[in-house]
Amino acid sequence: MFLNIDERKKTEQVLIKSEQRYRELSNSLPEIIFETDITGRIIFFNQRAFEITGFSPEEIERGMNVLSFVVPEERERAKENIAKTMIGKNLGNNEYALLRKNGSTFPALVRTSPIISETKVKGIRGVVMEITERKQMENQLEQYSKHLEDLFEARTIELNK
């Protein structure tokens, strides 16, 4: 009987250390890491998620649905993609405009996968990469490219006169 209890305690300690390592790793990443239950309720947010979104751990613990972070006009698409993820479809990265607590938005790439336990889907797990700087650079590059096209067109017209 003592042997069974000792083995169980060792197993529990290993599990606790594993969970601590997982949390430490996820909190050290520059991306948002999240998990939801089957209803979409957030059950885990890493530290970066709180920093970027402005929400507190207490607000998340009270119960927030992952769709509440997606701008209203993109929620239906997000809902459809979550459903696809739940049945095992690999969707790759999806771009969304996401909401912060203060109402401001930011562009992000979201990648999700199902959480499977005992052959049943229990929720989703995801990584969110904020791409504000990338979008700004893309816009600057597009403006620069348009400017060069305009210059080239103007020069061509001038030469053809």
C-alpha atoms as a PDB file:
ATOM      1  CA  MET A   1       0.000   0.000   0.000  1.00  0.00           C
ATOM      2  CA  PHE A   2       2.841   2.429   0.797  1.00  0.00           C
ATOM      3  CA  LEU A   3       4.442   1.654  -2.555  1.00  0.00           C
ATOM      4  CA  ASN A   4       1.277   2.646  -4.448  1.00  0.00           C
ATOM      5  CA  ILE A   5       1.068   5.981  -2.624  1.00  0.00           C
ATOM      6  CA  ASP A   6       4.762   6.702  -3.227  1.00  0.00           C
ATOM      7  CA  GLU A   7       4.399   5.994  -6.951  1.00  0.00           C
ATOM      8  CA  ARG A   8       1.322   8.178  -7.167  1.00  0.00           C
ATOM      9  CA  LYS A   9       3.089  11.072  -5.402  1.00  0.00           C
ATOM     10  CA  LYS A  10       6.081  10.724  -7.752  1.00  0.00           C
ATOM     11  CA  THR A  11       3.768  10.791 -10.746  1.00  0.00           C
ATOM     12  CA  GLU A  12       1.968  13.863  -9.395  1.00  0.00           C
ATOM     13  CA  GLN A  13       5.302  15.647  -8.856  1.00  0.00           C
ATOM     14  CA  VAL A  14       6.400  14.868 -12.403  1.00  0.00           C
ATOM     15  CA  LEU A  15       3.088  16.212 -13.691  1.00  0.00           C
ATOM     16  CA  ILE A  16       3.388  19.405 -11.616  1.00  0.00           C
ATOM     17  CA  LYS A  17       6.946  20.022 -12.874  1.00  0.00           C
ATOM     18  CA  SER A  18       5.846  19.388 -16.446  1.00  0.00           C
ATOM     19  CA  GLU A  19       3.013  21.901 -16.129  1.00  0.00           C
ATOM     20  CA  GLN A  20       5.370  24.473 -14.576  1.00  0.00           C
ATOM     21  CA  ARG A  21       7.799  24.005 -17.457  1.00  0.00           C
ATOM     22  CA  TYR A  22       4.962  24.419 -19.981  1.00  0.00           C
ATOM     23  CA  ARG A  23       3.792  27.643 -18.327  1.00  0.00           C
ATOM     24  CA  GLU A  24       7.320  29.041 -18.055  1.00  0.00           C
ATOM     25  CA  LEU A  25       7.979  28.276 -21.708  1.00  0.00           C
ATOM     26  CA  SER A  26       4.702  29.790 -22.905  1.00  0.00           C
ATOM     27  CA  ASN A  27       5.235  32.888 -20.752  1.00  0.00           C
ATOM     28  CA  SER A  28       8.694  33.437 -22.257  1.00  0.00           C
ATOM     29  CA  LEU A  29       7.386  33.581 -25.832  1.00  0.00           C
ATOM     30  CA  PRO A  30       6.705  36.879 -27.638  1.00  0.00           C
ATOM     31  CA  GLU A  31       3.440  35.467 -29.053  1.00  0.00           C
ATOM     32  CA  ILE A  32       0.056  34.977 -27.430  1.00  0.00           C
ATOM     33  CA  ILE A  33      -0.564  31.374 -26.396  1.00  0.00           C
ATOM     34  CA  PHE A  34      -4.105  30.384 -25.471  1.00  0.00           C
ATOM     35  CA  GLU A  35      -6.313  27.374 -24.829  1.00  0.00           C
ATOM     36  CA  THR A  36     -10.094  27.101 -24.783  1.00  0.00           C
ATOM     37  CA  ASP A  37     -12.577  24.499 -23.698  1.00  0.00           C
ATOM     38  CA  ILE A  38     -15.045  22.956 -26.141  1.00  0.00           C
ATOM     39  CA  THR A  39     -17.375  25.994 -25.839  1.00  0.00           C
ATOM     40  CA  GLY A  40     -14.636  28.487 -26.725  1.00  0.00           C
ATOM     41  CA  ARG A  41     -14.187  29.734 -23.150  1.00  0.00           C
ATOM     42  CA  ILE A  42     -10.557  30.697 -22.559  1.00  0.00           C
ATOM     43  CA  ILE A  43      -8.948  28.408 -20.008  1.00  0.00           C
ATOM     44  CA  PHE A  44      -5.331  29.525 -20.486  1.00  0.00           C
ATOM     45  CA  PHE A  45      -3.677  32.795 -21.522  1.00  0.00           C
ATOM     46  CA  ASN A  46       0.081  33.283 -21.334  1.00  0.00           C
ATOM     47  CA  GLN A  47       1.594  36.470 -19.913  1.00  0.00           C
ATOM     48  CA  ARG A  48       2.049  38.017 -23.359  1.00  0.00           C
ATOM     49  CA  ALA A  49      -1.692  37.663 -24.002  1.00  0.00           C
ATOM     50  CA  PHE A  50      -2.457  39.827 -20.979  1.00  0.00           C
ATOM     51  CA  GLU A  51       0.143  42.412 -22.046  1.00  0.00           C
ATOM     52  CA  ILE A  52      -1.138  42.707 -25.623  1.00  0.00           C
ATOM     53  CA  THR A  53      -4.894  42.556 -24.962  1.00  0.00           C
ATOM     54  CA  GLY A  54      -4.987  44.559 -21.729  1.00  0.00           C
ATOM     55  CA  PHE A  55      -7.241  42.059 -19.970  1.00  0.00           C
ATOM     56  CA  SER A  56      -6.448  40.799 -16.463  1.00  0.00           C
ATOM     57  CA  PRO A  57      -6.205  37.197 -15.281  1.00  0.00           C
ATOM     58  CA  GLU A  58      -9.313  37.783 -13.173  1.00  0.00           C
ATOM     59  CA  GLU A  59     -11.343  38.855 -16.215  1.00  0.00           C
ATOM     60  CA  ILE A  60     -10.277  35.752 -18.124  1.00  0.00           C
ATOM     61  CA  GLU A  61     -11.042  33.509 -15.130  1.00  0.00           C
ATOM     62  CA  ARG A  62     -14.559  34.954 -14.902  1.00  0.00           C
ATOM     63  CA  GLY A  63     -15.133  33.543 -18.377  1.00  0.00           C
ATOM     64  CA  MET A  64     -14.375  35.060 -21.757  1.00  0.00           C
ATOM     65  CA  ASN A  65     -15.022  33.465 -25.116  1.00  0.00           C
ATOM     66  CA  VAL A  66     -12.187  33.481 -27.624  1.00  0.00           C
ATOM     67  CA  LEU A  67     -14.510  34.974 -30.263  1.00  0.00           C
ATOM     68  CA  SER A  68     -14.884  38.136 -28.163  1.00  0.00           C
ATOM     69  CA  PHE A  69     -11.307  39.017 -29.182  1.00  0.00           C
ATOM     70  CA  VAL A  70     -12.147  38.982 -32.907  1.00  0.00           C
ATOM     71  CA  VAL A  71     -13.617  42.126 -34.480  1.00  0.00           C
ATOM     72  CA  PRO A  72     -17.373  41.645 -35.054  1.00  0.00           C
ATOM     73  CA  GLU A  73     -17.155  41.614 -38.862  1.00  0.00           C
ATOM     74  CA  GLU A  74     -14.710  38.662 -38.770  1.00  0.00           C
ATOM     75  CA  ARG A  75     -16.367  36.564 -36.025  1.00  0.00           C
ATOM     76  CA  GLU A  76     -18.407  34.363 -38.337  1.00  0.00           C
ATOM     77  CA  ARG A  77     -15.299  33.370 -40.311  1.00  0.00           C
ATOM     78  CA  ALA A  78     -13.439  32.748 -37.050  1.00  0.00           C
ATOM     79  CA  LYS A  79     -16.328  30.625 -35.765  1.00  0.00           C
ATOM     80  CA  GLU A  80     -16.274  28.536 -38.957  1.00  0.00           C
ATOM     81  CA  ASN A  81     -12.500  28.094 -38.683  1.00  0.00           C
ATOM     82  CA  ILE A  82     -12.790  27.006 -35.054  1.00  0.00           C
ATOM     83  CA  ALA A  83     -15.362  24.397 -36.073  1.00  0.00           C
ATOM     84  CA  LYS A  84     -13.001  23.134 -38.781  1.00  0.00           C
ATOM     85  CA  THR A  85     -10.146  22.979 -36.275  1.00  0.00           C
ATOM     86  CA  MET A  86     -12.320  20.966 -33.888  1.00  0.00           C
ATOM     87  CA  ILE A  87     -12.800  18.269 -36.533  1.00  0.00           C
ATOM     88  CA  GLY A  88      -9.067  18.116 -37.195  1.00  0.00           C
ATOM     89  CA  LYS A  89      -8.616  20.307 -40.272  1.00  0.00           C
ATOM     90  CA  ASN A  90      -5.239  22.021 -40.412  1.00  0.00           C
ATOM     91  CA  LEU A  91      -5.983  25.568 -41.531  1.00  0.00           C
ATOM     92  CA  GLY A  92      -2.483  26.989 -41.232  1.00  0.00           C
ATOM     93  CA  ASN A  93      -2.312  30.662 -40.339  1.00  0.00           C
ATOM     94  CA  ASN A  94      -5.416  32.838 -40.504  1.00  0.00           C
ATOM     95  CA  GLU A  95      -5.250  36.607 -40.413  1.00  0.00           C
ATOM     96  CA  TYR A  96      -7.725  38.483 -38.224  1.00  0.00           C
ATOM     97  CA  ALA A  97      -8.165  41.916 -36.726  1.00  0.00           C
ATOM     98  CA  LEU A  98      -8.257  41.353 -32.968  1.00  0.00           C
ATOM     99  CA  LEU A  99      -9.589  43.542 -30.164  1.00  0.00           C
ATOM    100  CA  ARG A 100      -7.888  44.862 -27.068  1.00  0.00           C
ATOM    101  CA  LYS A 101      -9.741  45.718 -23.885  1.00  0.00           C
ATOM    102  CA  ASN A 102      -9.551  49.445 -24.703  1.00  0.00           C
ATOM    103  CA  GLY A 103     -11.348  48.834 -28.031  1.00  0.00           C
ATOM    104  CA  SER A 104      -8.315  49.301 -30.269  1.00  0.00           C
ATOM    105  CA  THR A 105      -7.516  46.620 -32.823  1.00  0.00           C
ATOM    106  CA  PHE A 106      -4.376  44.932 -34.094  1.00  0.00           C
ATOM    107  CA  PRO A 107      -3.676  42.628 -37.032  1.00  0.00           C
ATOM    108  CA  ALA A 108      -2.658  39.097 -36.121  1.00  0.00           C
ATOM    109  CA  LEU A 109      -1.914  35.684 -37.558  1.00  0.00           C
ATOM    110  CA  VAL A 110      -3.682  32.920 -35.639  1.00  0.00           C
ATOM    111  CA  ARG A 111      -2.818  29.223 -35.800  1.00  0.00           C
ATOM    112  CA  THR A 112      -4.947  26.694 -33.909  1.00  0.00           C
ATOM    113  CA  SER A 113      -5.102  22.974 -33.295  1.00  0.00           C
ATOM    114  CA  PRO A 114      -7.522  20.775 -31.381  1.00  0.00           C
ATOM    115  CA  ILE A 115      -6.825  19.700 -27.799  1.00  0.00           C
ATOM    116  CA  ILE A 116      -7.435  15.958 -27.776  1.00  0.00           C
ATOM    117  CA  SER A 117      -7.731  13.916 -24.608  1.00  0.00           C
ATOM    118  CA  GLU A 118      -8.730  10.263 -24.534  1.00  0.00           C
ATOM    119  CA  THR A 119      -9.594  10.447 -28.263  1.00  0.00           C
ATOM    120  CA  LYS A 120     -12.065  13.309 -27.720  1.00  0.00           C
ATOM    121  CA  VAL A 121     -11.680  16.962 -28.653  1.00  0.00           C
ATOM    122  CA  LYS A 122     -11.698  19.004 -25.448  1.00  0.00           C
ATOM    123  CA  GLY A 123     -11.037  22.462 -26.936  1.00  0.00           C
ATOM    124  CA  ILE A 124      -8.514  24.327 -29.029  1.00  0.00           C
ATOM    125  CA  ARG A 125      -4.978  25.528 -28.502  1.00  0.00           C
ATOM    126  CA  GLY A 126      -3.583  28.461 -30.419  1.00  0.00           C
ATOM    127  CA  VAL A 127      -0.729  30.827 -31.114  1.00  0.00           C
ATOM    128  CA  VAL A 128      -1.362  34.449 -32.032  1.00  0.00           C
ATOM    129  CA  MET A 129       1.357  36.542 -33.622  1.00  0.00           C
ATOM    130  CA  GLU A 130       0.799  40.299 -33.656  1.00  0.00           C
ATOM    131  CA  ILE A 131       1.794  41.591 -37.106  1.00  0.00           C
ATOM    132  CA  THR A 132       1.319  45.359 -36.741  1.00  0.00           C
ATOM    133  CA  GLU A 133       4.889  46.190 -37.772  1.00  0.00           C
ATOM    134  CA  ARG A 134       4.743  43.804 -40.717  1.00  0.00           C
ATOM    135  CA  LYS A 135       1.503  45.371 -41.948  1.00  0.00           C
ATOM    136  CA  GLN A 136       3.008  48.864 -41.625  1.00  0.00           C
ATOM    137  CA  MET A 137       6.047  47.781 -43.664  1.00  0.00           C
ATOM    138  CA  GLU A 138       3.789  46.184 -46.295  1.00  0.00           C
ATOM    139  CA  ASN A 139       1.849  49.456 -46.572  1.00  0.00           C
ATOM    140  CA  GLN A 140       5.059  51.489 -46.895  1.00  0.00           C
ATOM    141  CA  LEU A 141       6.383  49.109 -49.536  1.00  0.00           C
ATOM    142  CA  GLU A 142       3.096  49.325 -51.448  1.00  0.00           C
ATOM    143  CA  GLN A 143       3.191  53.135 -51.346  1.00  0.00           C
ATOM    144  CA  TYR A 144       6.805  53.176 -52.490  1.00  0.00           C
ATOM    145  CA  SER A 145       6.031  50.744 -55.303  1.00  0.00           C
ATOM    146  CA  LYS A 146       3.063  52.899 -56.408  1.00  0.00           C
ATOM    147  CA  HIS A 147       5.295  55.982 -56.315  1.00  0.00           C
ATOM    148  CA  LEU A 148       7.893  54.258 -58.524  1.00  0.00           C
ATOM    149  CA  GLU A 149       5.190  53.153 -60.976  1.00  0.00           C
ATOM    150  CA  ASP A 150       3.896  56.728 -61.175  1.00  0.00           C
ATOM    151  CA  LEU A 151       7.418  58.051 -61.810  1.00  0.00           C
ATOM    152  CA  PHE A 152       8.038  55.428 -64.469  1.00  0.00           C
ATOM    153  CA  GLU A 153       4.730  56.183 -66.174  1.00  0.00           C
ATOM    154  CA  ALA A 154       5.395  59.923 -66.102  1.00  0.00           C
ATOM    155  CA  ARG A 155       8.881  59.406 -67.570  1.00  0.00           C
ATOM    156  CA  THR A 156       7.510  57.129 -70.312  1.00  0.00           C
ATOM    157  CA  ILE A 157       4.885  59.719 -71.288  1.00  0.00           C
ATOM    158  CA  GLU A 158       7.561  62.437 -71.334  1.00  0.00           C
ATOM    159  CA  LEU A 159       9.840  60.374 -73.581  1.00  0.00           C
ATOM    160  CA  ASN A 160       7.010  59.594 -76.007  1.00  0.00           C
ATOM    161  CA  LYS A 161       6.219  63.283 -76.632  1.00  0.00           C
END
